[in-house]
Amino acid sequence: MHPLPPLNPDLDVTQNHYWSYHGLETLLSCKQPLTASQDEDLFITVHQICELGFHQMIIDLGRVLDAIATALQDASDPIIGDTHEACYFLTRVLKLYEVAVTTMPILTTMRAFAEFRTTIGPTSGFQSFQFRHLEIMSGVPKYWEGGTRNAEGKLHVAETEFEKRYGAQVAEWRDRHQHHSLTHYYNLLLQRVDASSLEEKVSTLLEHPQAHPLLKQMQMYDLLQTRFHRAHLGLAAQQLKLVGADVGTGGTSFRQYLAKYEAELAPLFPGLSQTPEI
């Protein structure tokens, strides 16, 4: 590896200090509580940590998908070629997902959600467009659509505003990743194995020197995704109980909505996720 030149040839690297390189003043100015609550600053911080993680995960998961596509095009192996590049970036995605999974429960330490809940309006995790992007890249169907519909069939403003702002991008992501997602490539791998049962196909793939490390990481990705959904459900149940509410800020009947992923969509990789840890 050799040093790369700056993208901006006019950059004076001698003036590149820690605070400017990392944009700390701009980053820290993004946290702006709306009330004097001593819990609201934590609420914002935890979500911003997760969103920064999601941003890098999207970048690296894109690299993973491109690397898997390249490995699958390798004619030297009938199943899959070199997966080192895919595993390199997927390792980073997994580490970042662990950060999100362990960071979200910090919010269970809040004691005063009621102090600022009404002030944040319809702000809701439902509206995390980056998490939606990750789910689409993973191969998850658009299960959240209509998730805020009430008994009269009316959608909550959290969903209608999300659709208004990001609906076109979500549609573009879905189109782009229809045949370029983790689940798509997992299914392609299964199709390349000449076996009659799912269990035999998975067993064969786990014996393949290039497929094995990739499937091991995909198994962990599946586990972390489920754990994140569980953490979100546990947090919502605990905090909404404190304020005596049974409906989330995004208008969802949160228990039913947040449990929907695991009940109807997990696992992402059938046959693999049920296998004891590889």
C-alpha atoms as a PDB file:
ATOM      1  CA  MET A   1       0.000   0.000   0.000  1.00  0.00           C
ATOM      2  CA  HIS A   2       1.234   3.495  -0.877  1.00  0.00           C
ATOM      3  CA  PRO A   3       0.067   6.895   0.401  1.00  0.00           C
ATOM      4  CA  LEU A   4      -2.682   8.411  -1.709  1.00  0.00           C
ATOM      5  CA  PRO A   5      -2.737  12.074  -2.718  1.00  0.00           C
ATOM      6  CA  PRO A   6      -5.515  14.301  -1.332  1.00  0.00           C
ATOM      7  CA  LEU A   7      -8.672  14.432  -3.422  1.00  0.00           C
ATOM      8  CA  ASN A   8      -8.262  18.202  -3.328  1.00  0.00           C
ATOM      9  CA  PRO A   9      -4.807  18.996  -4.776  1.00  0.00           C
ATOM     10  CA  ASP A  10      -4.906  22.447  -3.162  1.00  0.00           C
ATOM     11  CA  LEU A  11      -5.281  21.059   0.367  1.00  0.00           C
ATOM     12  CA  ASP A  12      -2.661  22.265   2.848  1.00  0.00           C
ATOM     13  CA  VAL A  13      -2.230  19.176   5.025  1.00  0.00           C
ATOM     14  CA  THR A  14      -0.141  21.118   7.546  1.00  0.00           C
ATOM     15  CA  GLN A  15      -3.374  22.838   8.625  1.00  0.00           C
ATOM     16  CA  ASN A  16      -5.266  19.577   9.047  1.00  0.00           C
ATOM     17  CA  HIS A  17      -5.791  19.342  12.808  1.00  0.00           C
ATOM     18  CA  TYR A  18      -7.855  16.772  14.731  1.00  0.00           C
ATOM     19  CA  TRP A  19     -10.830  19.086  15.262  1.00  0.00           C
ATOM     20  CA  SER A  20     -10.972  20.239  11.643  1.00  0.00           C
ATOM     21  CA  TYR A  21     -10.270  16.851  10.027  1.00  0.00           C
ATOM     22  CA  HIS A  22     -13.108  15.206  11.976  1.00  0.00           C
ATOM     23  CA  GLY A  23     -15.382  18.258  11.702  1.00  0.00           C
ATOM     24  CA  LEU A  24     -15.948  18.161  15.445  1.00  0.00           C
ATOM     25  CA  GLU A  25     -17.467  21.619  15.844  1.00  0.00           C
ATOM     26  CA  THR A  26     -20.004  20.947  13.086  1.00  0.00           C
ATOM     27  CA  LEU A  27     -20.699  17.455  14.397  1.00  0.00           C
ATOM     28  CA  LEU A  28     -21.273  18.578  17.981  1.00  0.00           C
ATOM     29  CA  SER A  29     -23.472  21.467  16.893  1.00  0.00           C
ATOM     30  CA  CYS A  30     -25.920  18.933  15.423  1.00  0.00           C
ATOM     31  CA  LYS A  31     -27.162  18.005  18.892  1.00  0.00           C
ATOM     32  CA  GLN A  32     -29.811  20.571  19.759  1.00  0.00           C
ATOM     33  CA  PRO A  33     -32.312  19.532  22.463  1.00  0.00           C
ATOM     34  CA  LEU A  34     -35.703  21.229  22.324  1.00  0.00           C
ATOM     35  CA  THR A  35     -36.358  21.180  26.081  1.00  0.00           C
ATOM     36  CA  ALA A  36     -34.375  21.518  29.317  1.00  0.00           C
ATOM     37  CA  SER A  37     -34.770  17.791  30.026  1.00  0.00           C
ATOM     38  CA  GLN A  38     -31.569  16.146  31.254  1.00  0.00           C
ATOM     39  CA  ASP A  39     -32.499  13.037  29.281  1.00  0.00           C
ATOM     40  CA  GLU A  40     -33.158  14.595  25.881  1.00  0.00           C
ATOM     41  CA  ASP A  41     -29.484  15.190  25.097  1.00  0.00           C
ATOM     42  CA  LEU A  42     -28.825  11.470  25.639  1.00  0.00           C
ATOM     43  CA  PHE A  43     -31.816  10.592  23.441  1.00  0.00           C
ATOM     44  CA  ILE A  44     -30.349  12.617  20.572  1.00  0.00           C
ATOM     45  CA  THR A  45     -26.789  11.377  21.111  1.00  0.00           C
ATOM     46  CA  VAL A  46     -27.703   7.685  21.012  1.00  0.00           C
ATOM     47  CA  HIS A  47     -29.702   8.082  17.818  1.00  0.00           C
ATOM     48  CA  GLN A  48     -26.940  10.103  16.177  1.00  0.00           C
ATOM     49  CA  ILE A  49     -24.365   7.455  17.096  1.00  0.00           C
ATOM     50  CA  CYS A  50     -26.563   4.831  15.449  1.00  0.00           C
ATOM     51  CA  GLU A  51     -27.141   6.976  12.377  1.00  0.00           C
ATOM     52  CA  LEU A  52     -23.410   7.629  11.927  1.00  0.00           C
ATOM     53  CA  GLY A  53     -22.892   3.881  12.173  1.00  0.00           C
ATOM     54  CA  PHE A  54     -25.656   3.216   9.645  1.00  0.00           C
ATOM     55  CA  HIS A  55     -24.046   5.689   7.235  1.00  0.00           C
ATOM     56  CA  GLN A  56     -20.733   3.810   7.239  1.00  0.00           C
ATOM     57  CA  MET A  57     -22.534   0.462   7.142  1.00  0.00           C
ATOM     58  CA  ILE A  58     -24.319   1.512   3.948  1.00  0.00           C
ATOM     59  CA  ILE A  59     -21.001   2.445   2.348  1.00  0.00           C
ATOM     60  CA  ASP A  60     -19.294  -0.794   3.378  1.00  0.00           C
ATOM     61  CA  LEU A  61     -22.284  -3.023   2.648  1.00  0.00           C
ATOM     62  CA  GLY A  62     -22.275  -1.606  -0.873  1.00  0.00           C
ATOM     63  CA  ARG A  63     -18.653  -2.709  -1.166  1.00  0.00           C
ATOM     64  CA  VAL A  64     -19.598  -6.133   0.192  1.00  0.00           C
ATOM     65  CA  LEU A  65     -22.321  -6.601  -2.404  1.00  0.00           C
ATOM     66  CA  ASP A  66     -20.037  -5.528  -5.239  1.00  0.00           C
ATOM     67  CA  ALA A  67     -17.335  -7.911  -4.027  1.00  0.00           C
ATOM     68  CA  ILE A  68     -19.770 -10.834  -3.776  1.00  0.00           C
ATOM     69  CA  ALA A  69     -21.026 -10.116  -7.289  1.00  0.00           C
ATOM     70  CA  THR A  70     -17.433 -10.177  -8.540  1.00  0.00           C
ATOM     71  CA  ALA A  71     -16.677 -13.430  -6.707  1.00  0.00           C
ATOM     72  CA  LEU A  72     -19.773 -15.062  -8.165  1.00  0.00           C
ATOM     73  CA  GLN A  73     -18.593 -14.132 -11.662  1.00  0.00           C
ATOM     74  CA  ASP A  74     -15.275 -15.943 -11.130  1.00  0.00           C
ATOM     75  CA  ALA A  75     -15.309 -18.776 -13.667  1.00  0.00           C
ATOM     76  CA  SER A  76     -12.532 -20.635 -11.857  1.00  0.00           C
ATOM     77  CA  ASP A  77     -15.006 -22.030  -9.300  1.00  0.00           C
ATOM     78  CA  PRO A  78     -18.532 -23.330  -9.975  1.00  0.00           C
ATOM     79  CA  ILE A  79     -19.860 -21.962  -6.650  1.00  0.00           C
ATOM     80  CA  ILE A  80     -17.937 -18.782  -5.785  1.00  0.00           C
ATOM     81  CA  GLY A  81     -14.459 -17.359  -6.179  1.00  0.00           C
ATOM     82  CA  ASP A  82     -12.311 -15.395  -3.754  1.00  0.00           C
ATOM     83  CA  THR A  83     -14.451 -13.850  -0.997  1.00  0.00           C
ATOM     84  CA  HIS A  84     -11.657 -12.130   0.951  1.00  0.00           C
ATOM     85  CA  GLU A  85     -12.687  -8.668  -0.259  1.00  0.00           C
ATOM     86  CA  ALA A  86     -16.336  -9.236   0.671  1.00  0.00           C
ATOM     87  CA  CYS A  87     -15.392 -10.570   4.103  1.00  0.00           C
ATOM     88  CA  TYR A  88     -13.008  -7.664   4.718  1.00  0.00           C
ATOM     89  CA  PHE A  89     -15.803  -5.116   4.413  1.00  0.00           C
ATOM     90  CA  LEU A  90     -18.490  -7.299   5.981  1.00  0.00           C
ATOM     91  CA  THR A  91     -16.327  -7.582   9.110  1.00  0.00           C
ATOM     92  CA  ARG A  92     -16.553  -3.803   9.448  1.00  0.00           C
ATOM     93  CA  VAL A  93     -20.315  -3.844   8.907  1.00  0.00           C
ATOM     94  CA  LEU A  94     -20.696  -6.414  11.683  1.00  0.00           C
ATOM     95  CA  LYS A  95     -18.580  -4.389  14.119  1.00  0.00           C
ATOM     96  CA  LEU A  96     -20.652  -1.288  13.415  1.00  0.00           C
ATOM     97  CA  TYR A  97     -23.882  -3.244  13.835  1.00  0.00           C
ATOM     98  CA  GLU A  98     -22.610  -4.402  17.226  1.00  0.00           C
ATOM     99  CA  VAL A  99     -22.131  -0.741  18.151  1.00  0.00           C
ATOM    100  CA  ALA A 100     -25.747   0.033  17.235  1.00  0.00           C
ATOM    101  CA  VAL A 101     -27.067  -3.022  19.067  1.00  0.00           C
ATOM    102  CA  THR A 102     -25.180  -2.151  22.254  1.00  0.00           C
ATOM    103  CA  THR A 103     -25.767   1.617  22.030  1.00  0.00           C
ATOM    104  CA  MET A 104     -29.567   1.610  21.663  1.00  0.00           C
ATOM    105  CA  PRO A 105     -30.202  -0.012  25.101  1.00  0.00           C
ATOM    106  CA  ILE A 106     -28.404   2.902  26.785  1.00  0.00           C
ATOM    107  CA  LEU A 107     -31.718   4.722  26.390  1.00  0.00           C
ATOM    108  CA  THR A 108     -33.287   2.375  28.931  1.00  0.00           C
ATOM    109  CA  THR A 109     -31.447   4.443  31.565  1.00  0.00           C
ATOM    110  CA  MET A 110     -33.685   7.439  30.828  1.00  0.00           C
ATOM    111  CA  ARG A 111     -36.116   8.332  33.581  1.00  0.00           C
ATOM    112  CA  ALA A 112     -37.785  11.384  32.032  1.00  0.00           C
ATOM    113  CA  PHE A 113     -38.933  10.561  28.499  1.00  0.00           C
ATOM    114  CA  ALA A 114     -42.238  12.235  29.389  1.00  0.00           C
ATOM    115  CA  GLU A 115     -40.446  15.581  29.707  1.00  0.00           C
ATOM    116  CA  PHE A 116     -39.734  15.856  25.998  1.00  0.00           C
ATOM    117  CA  ARG A 117     -41.838  13.205  24.263  1.00  0.00           C
ATOM    118  CA  THR A 118     -44.584  15.576  23.122  1.00  0.00           C
ATOM    119  CA  THR A 119     -42.105  18.240  22.021  1.00  0.00           C
ATOM    120  CA  ILE A 120     -40.390  15.984  19.466  1.00  0.00           C
ATOM    121  CA  GLY A 121     -43.715  15.504  17.677  1.00  0.00           C
ATOM    122  CA  PRO A 122     -43.951  12.536  15.281  1.00  0.00           C
ATOM    123  CA  THR A 123     -40.166  11.979  15.345  1.00  0.00           C
ATOM    124  CA  SER A 124     -39.782   8.203  15.266  1.00  0.00           C
ATOM    125  CA  GLY A 125     -37.297   5.449  14.474  1.00  0.00           C
ATOM    126  CA  PHE A 126     -39.839   4.526  11.808  1.00  0.00           C
ATOM    127  CA  GLN A 127     -38.444   7.491   9.860  1.00  0.00           C
ATOM    128  CA  SER A 128     -34.797   6.353   9.820  1.00  0.00           C
ATOM    129  CA  PHE A 129     -34.208   6.372   6.072  1.00  0.00           C
ATOM    130  CA  GLN A 130     -30.697   5.008   6.577  1.00  0.00           C
ATOM    131  CA  PHE A 131     -31.968   1.947   8.435  1.00  0.00           C
ATOM    132  CA  ARG A 132     -34.510   1.428   5.635  1.00  0.00           C
ATOM    133  CA  HIS A 133     -31.653   1.630   3.141  1.00  0.00           C
ATOM    134  CA  LEU A 134     -29.728  -1.037   5.063  1.00  0.00           C
ATOM    135  CA  GLU A 135     -32.764  -3.296   5.215  1.00  0.00           C
ATOM    136  CA  ILE A 136     -33.276  -2.987   1.461  1.00  0.00           C
ATOM    137  CA  MET A 137     -29.588  -3.759   0.830  1.00  0.00           C
ATOM    138  CA  SER A 138     -30.024  -6.791   3.082  1.00  0.00           C
ATOM    139  CA  GLY A 139     -32.947  -7.970   0.981  1.00  0.00           C
ATOM    140  CA  VAL A 140     -35.734  -7.238   3.463  1.00  0.00           C
ATOM    141  CA  PRO A 141     -39.161  -6.586   1.853  1.00  0.00           C
ATOM    142  CA  LYS A 142     -40.906  -3.252   2.473  1.00  0.00           C
ATOM    143  CA  TYR A 143     -42.705  -4.551   5.578  1.00  0.00           C
ATOM    144  CA  TRP A 144     -42.972  -1.120   7.178  1.00  0.00           C
ATOM    145  CA  GLU A 145     -45.368   0.206   4.535  1.00  0.00           C
ATOM    146  CA  GLY A 146     -48.709   0.952   6.205  1.00  0.00           C
ATOM    147  CA  GLY A 147     -47.219   0.234   9.607  1.00  0.00           C
ATOM    148  CA  THR A 148     -48.732   3.382  11.148  1.00  0.00           C
ATOM    149  CA  ARG A 149     -52.278   2.791   9.859  1.00  0.00           C
ATOM    150  CA  ASN A 150     -54.835   3.225  12.642  1.00  0.00           C
ATOM    151  CA  ALA A 151     -58.145   1.423  13.199  1.00  0.00           C
ATOM    152  CA  GLU A 152     -59.839   3.756  10.717  1.00  0.00           C
ATOM    153  CA  GLY A 153     -57.192   2.959   8.099  1.00  0.00           C
ATOM    154  CA  LYS A 154     -55.535   6.378   8.230  1.00  0.00           C
ATOM    155  CA  LEU A 155     -51.758   6.653   8.058  1.00  0.00           C
ATOM    156  CA  HIS A 156     -49.906   8.626  10.734  1.00  0.00           C
ATOM    157  CA  VAL A 157     -48.139  11.827   9.699  1.00  0.00           C
ATOM    158  CA  ALA A 158     -44.803  10.157  10.567  1.00  0.00           C
ATOM    159  CA  GLU A 159     -45.318   7.764   7.654  1.00  0.00           C
ATOM    160  CA  THR A 160     -46.905  10.180   5.194  1.00  0.00           C
ATOM    161  CA  GLU A 161     -44.111  12.713   5.702  1.00  0.00           C
ATOM    162  CA  PHE A 162     -41.472   9.985   5.422  1.00  0.00           C
ATOM    163  CA  GLU A 163     -43.007   8.830   2.143  1.00  0.00           C
ATOM    164  CA  LYS A 164     -43.177  12.398   0.878  1.00  0.00           C
ATOM    165  CA  ARG A 165     -39.507  13.068   1.653  1.00  0.00           C
ATOM    166  CA  TYR A 166     -37.888   9.692   0.938  1.00  0.00           C
ATOM    167  CA  GLY A 167     -40.425   7.668  -1.043  1.00  0.00           C
ATOM    168  CA  ALA A 168     -38.659   8.204  -4.378  1.00  0.00           C
ATOM    169  CA  GLN A 169     -35.273   7.251  -2.888  1.00  0.00           C
ATOM    170  CA  VAL A 170     -36.716   4.136  -1.264  1.00  0.00           C
ATOM    171  CA  ALA A 171     -38.196   3.102  -4.628  1.00  0.00           C
ATOM    172  CA  GLU A 172     -34.803   3.653  -6.298  1.00  0.00           C
ATOM    173  CA  TRP A 173     -33.032   1.604  -3.620  1.00  0.00           C
ATOM    174  CA  ARG A 174     -35.514  -1.228  -4.013  1.00  0.00           C
ATOM    175  CA  ASP A 175     -35.038  -1.240  -7.776  1.00  0.00           C
ATOM    176  CA  ARG A 176     -31.247  -1.149  -7.489  1.00  0.00           C
ATOM    177  CA  HIS A 177     -31.063  -3.958  -4.934  1.00  0.00           C
ATOM    178  CA  GLN A 178     -33.724  -6.268  -6.320  1.00  0.00           C
ATOM    179  CA  HIS A 179     -30.906  -8.436  -7.686  1.00  0.00           C
ATOM    180  CA  HIS A 180     -28.069  -6.973  -5.650  1.00  0.00           C
ATOM    181  CA  SER A 181     -28.688  -7.751  -1.977  1.00  0.00           C
ATOM    182  CA  LEU A 182     -27.418 -10.165   0.650  1.00  0.00           C
ATOM    183  CA  THR A 183     -30.472 -12.408   0.382  1.00  0.00           C
ATOM    184  CA  HIS A 184     -30.299 -12.415  -3.417  1.00  0.00           C
ATOM    185  CA  TYR A 185     -26.689 -13.588  -3.389  1.00  0.00           C
ATOM    186  CA  TYR A 186     -27.386 -16.125  -0.672  1.00  0.00           C
ATOM    187  CA  ASN A 187     -30.132 -17.628  -2.816  1.00  0.00           C
ATOM    188  CA  LEU A 188     -27.780 -17.670  -5.824  1.00  0.00           C
ATOM    189  CA  LEU A 189     -25.264 -19.644  -3.781  1.00  0.00           C
ATOM    190  CA  LEU A 190     -27.953 -22.153  -2.821  1.00  0.00           C
ATOM    191  CA  GLN A 191     -28.939 -22.539  -6.472  1.00  0.00           C
ATOM    192  CA  ARG A 192     -25.356 -23.391  -7.411  1.00  0.00           C
ATOM    193  CA  VAL A 193     -25.316 -26.448  -5.163  1.00  0.00           C
ATOM    194  CA  ASP A 194     -26.644 -29.669  -6.656  1.00  0.00           C
ATOM    195  CA  ALA A 195     -28.566 -31.073  -3.700  1.00  0.00           C
ATOM    196  CA  SER A 196     -32.209 -31.877  -3.053  1.00  0.00           C
ATOM    197  CA  SER A 197     -32.714 -30.329   0.384  1.00  0.00           C
ATOM    198  CA  LEU A 198     -31.936 -26.949   1.900  1.00  0.00           C
ATOM    199  CA  GLU A 199     -29.949 -28.624   4.667  1.00  0.00           C
ATOM    200  CA  GLU A 200     -27.737 -30.441   2.155  1.00  0.00           C
ATOM    201  CA  LYS A 201     -27.173 -27.267   0.164  1.00  0.00           C
ATOM    202  CA  VAL A 202     -26.120 -25.327   3.266  1.00  0.00           C
ATOM    203  CA  SER A 203     -23.897 -28.190   4.428  1.00  0.00           C
ATOM    204  CA  THR A 204     -22.133 -28.260   1.066  1.00  0.00           C
ATOM    205  CA  LEU A 205     -21.610 -24.500   1.083  1.00  0.00           C
ATOM    206  CA  LEU A 206     -20.157 -24.639   4.585  1.00  0.00           C
ATOM    207  CA  GLU A 207     -17.527 -27.055   3.318  1.00  0.00           C
ATOM    208  CA  HIS A 208     -16.536 -24.725   0.495  1.00  0.00           C
ATOM    209  CA  PRO A 209     -13.328 -22.792   1.369  1.00  0.00           C
ATOM    210  CA  GLN A 210     -14.587 -19.472  -0.043  1.00  0.00           C
ATOM    211  CA  ALA A 211     -18.282 -19.761   0.794  1.00  0.00           C
ATOM    212  CA  HIS A 212     -17.706 -20.790   4.419  1.00  0.00           C
ATOM    213  CA  PRO A 213     -16.189 -17.521   5.762  1.00  0.00           C
ATOM    214  CA  LEU A 214     -18.786 -15.462   3.908  1.00  0.00           C
ATOM    215  CA  LEU A 215     -21.690 -17.520   5.243  1.00  0.00           C
ATOM    216  CA  LYS A 216     -20.263 -17.324   8.753  1.00  0.00           C
ATOM    217  CA  GLN A 217     -20.429 -13.533   8.576  1.00  0.00           C
ATOM    218  CA  MET A 218     -23.871 -13.559   6.976  1.00  0.00           C
ATOM    219  CA  GLN A 219     -25.096 -15.704   9.854  1.00  0.00           C
ATOM    220  CA  MET A 220     -23.800 -13.096  12.324  1.00  0.00           C
ATOM    221  CA  TYR A 221     -25.364 -10.276  10.306  1.00  0.00           C
ATOM    222  CA  ASP A 222     -28.727 -12.021  10.516  1.00  0.00           C
ATOM    223  CA  LEU A 223     -28.356 -12.429  14.273  1.00  0.00           C
ATOM    224  CA  LEU A 224     -27.402  -8.776  14.808  1.00  0.00           C
ATOM    225  CA  GLN A 225     -30.310  -7.558  12.695  1.00  0.00           C
ATOM    226  CA  THR A 226     -32.737  -9.574  14.812  1.00  0.00           C
ATOM    227  CA  ARG A 227     -31.067  -8.388  18.022  1.00  0.00           C
ATOM    228  CA  PHE A 228     -31.413  -4.766  16.932  1.00  0.00           C
ATOM    229  CA  HIS A 229     -35.138  -5.198  16.320  1.00  0.00           C
ATOM    230  CA  ARG A 230     -35.499  -6.843  19.739  1.00  0.00           C
ATOM    231  CA  ALA A 231     -33.561  -4.025  21.404  1.00  0.00           C
ATOM    232  CA  HIS A 232     -35.818  -1.452  19.767  1.00  0.00           C
ATOM    233  CA  LEU A 233     -38.918  -3.311  20.929  1.00  0.00           C
ATOM    234  CA  GLY A 234     -37.585  -3.664  24.479  1.00  0.00           C
ATOM    235  CA  LEU A 235     -36.678   0.012  24.653  1.00  0.00           C
ATOM    236  CA  ALA A 236     -40.070   1.140  23.337  1.00  0.00           C
ATOM    237  CA  ALA A 237     -41.941  -1.102  25.756  1.00  0.00           C
ATOM    238  CA  GLN A 238     -39.964   0.179  28.731  1.00  0.00           C
ATOM    239  CA  GLN A 239     -40.065   3.883  27.905  1.00  0.00           C
ATOM    240  CA  LEU A 240     -43.690   4.022  26.747  1.00  0.00           C
ATOM    241  CA  LYS A 241     -44.735   2.226  29.911  1.00  0.00           C
ATOM    242  CA  LEU A 242     -43.158   5.066  31.889  1.00  0.00           C
ATOM    243  CA  VAL A 243     -45.341   7.597  30.093  1.00  0.00           C
ATOM    244  CA  GLY A 244     -48.443   5.396  30.139  1.00  0.00           C
ATOM    245  CA  ALA A 245     -48.684   5.197  26.344  1.00  0.00           C
ATOM    246  CA  ASP A 246     -49.484   2.267  24.070  1.00  0.00           C
ATOM    247  CA  VAL A 247     -48.784   4.057  20.791  1.00  0.00           C
ATOM    248  CA  GLY A 248     -45.323   5.102  19.614  1.00  0.00           C
ATOM    249  CA  THR A 249     -44.391   8.636  18.564  1.00  0.00           C
ATOM    250  CA  GLY A 250     -44.627   7.423  14.971  1.00  0.00           C
ATOM    251  CA  GLY A 251     -48.231   6.406  15.490  1.00  0.00           C
ATOM    252  CA  THR A 252     -47.631   2.653  15.441  1.00  0.00           C
ATOM    253  CA  SER A 253     -49.120   0.101  17.766  1.00  0.00           C
ATOM    254  CA  PHE A 254     -45.484  -0.411  18.631  1.00  0.00           C
ATOM    255  CA  ARG A 255     -45.566  -3.932  20.104  1.00  0.00           C
ATOM    256  CA  GLN A 256     -47.208  -5.426  17.039  1.00  0.00           C
ATOM    257  CA  TYR A 257     -45.211  -3.332  14.577  1.00  0.00           C
ATOM    258  CA  LEU A 258     -41.776  -3.789  16.159  1.00  0.00           C
ATOM    259  CA  ALA A 259     -42.322  -7.537  16.569  1.00  0.00           C
ATOM    260  CA  LYS A 260     -43.378  -7.904  12.922  1.00  0.00           C
ATOM    261  CA  TYR A 261     -39.846  -8.247  11.530  1.00  0.00           C
ATOM    262  CA  GLU A 262     -38.902 -11.247  13.636  1.00  0.00           C
ATOM    263  CA  ALA A 263     -42.358 -12.822  13.449  1.00  0.00           C
ATOM    264  CA  GLU A 264     -42.774 -12.595   9.674  1.00  0.00           C
ATOM    265  CA  LEU A 265     -39.437 -11.899   7.983  1.00  0.00           C
ATOM    266  CA  ALA A 266     -36.589 -13.375  10.002  1.00  0.00           C
ATOM    267  CA  PRO A 267     -34.395 -15.199   9.323  1.00  0.00           C
ATOM    268  CA  LEU A 268     -32.888 -13.530   6.295  1.00  0.00           C
ATOM    269  CA  PHE A 269     -30.986 -16.662   5.335  1.00  0.00           C
ATOM    270  CA  PRO A 270     -33.179 -19.767   5.834  1.00  0.00           C
ATOM    271  CA  GLY A 271     -31.213 -22.879   6.576  1.00  0.00           C
ATOM    272  CA  LEU A 272     -28.151 -20.899   7.564  1.00  0.00           C
ATOM    273  CA  SER A 273     -29.497 -19.048  10.558  1.00  0.00           C
ATOM    274  CA  GLN A 274     -30.871 -22.251  12.066  1.00  0.00           C
ATOM    275  CA  THR A 275     -27.432 -23.860  11.804  1.00  0.00           C
ATOM    276  CA  PRO A 276     -25.453 -23.897  15.066  1.00  0.00           C
ATOM    277  CA  GLU A 277     -22.809 -21.166  15.098  1.00  0.00           C
ATOM    278  CA  ILE A 278     -20.421 -21.879  12.271  1.00  0.00           C
END
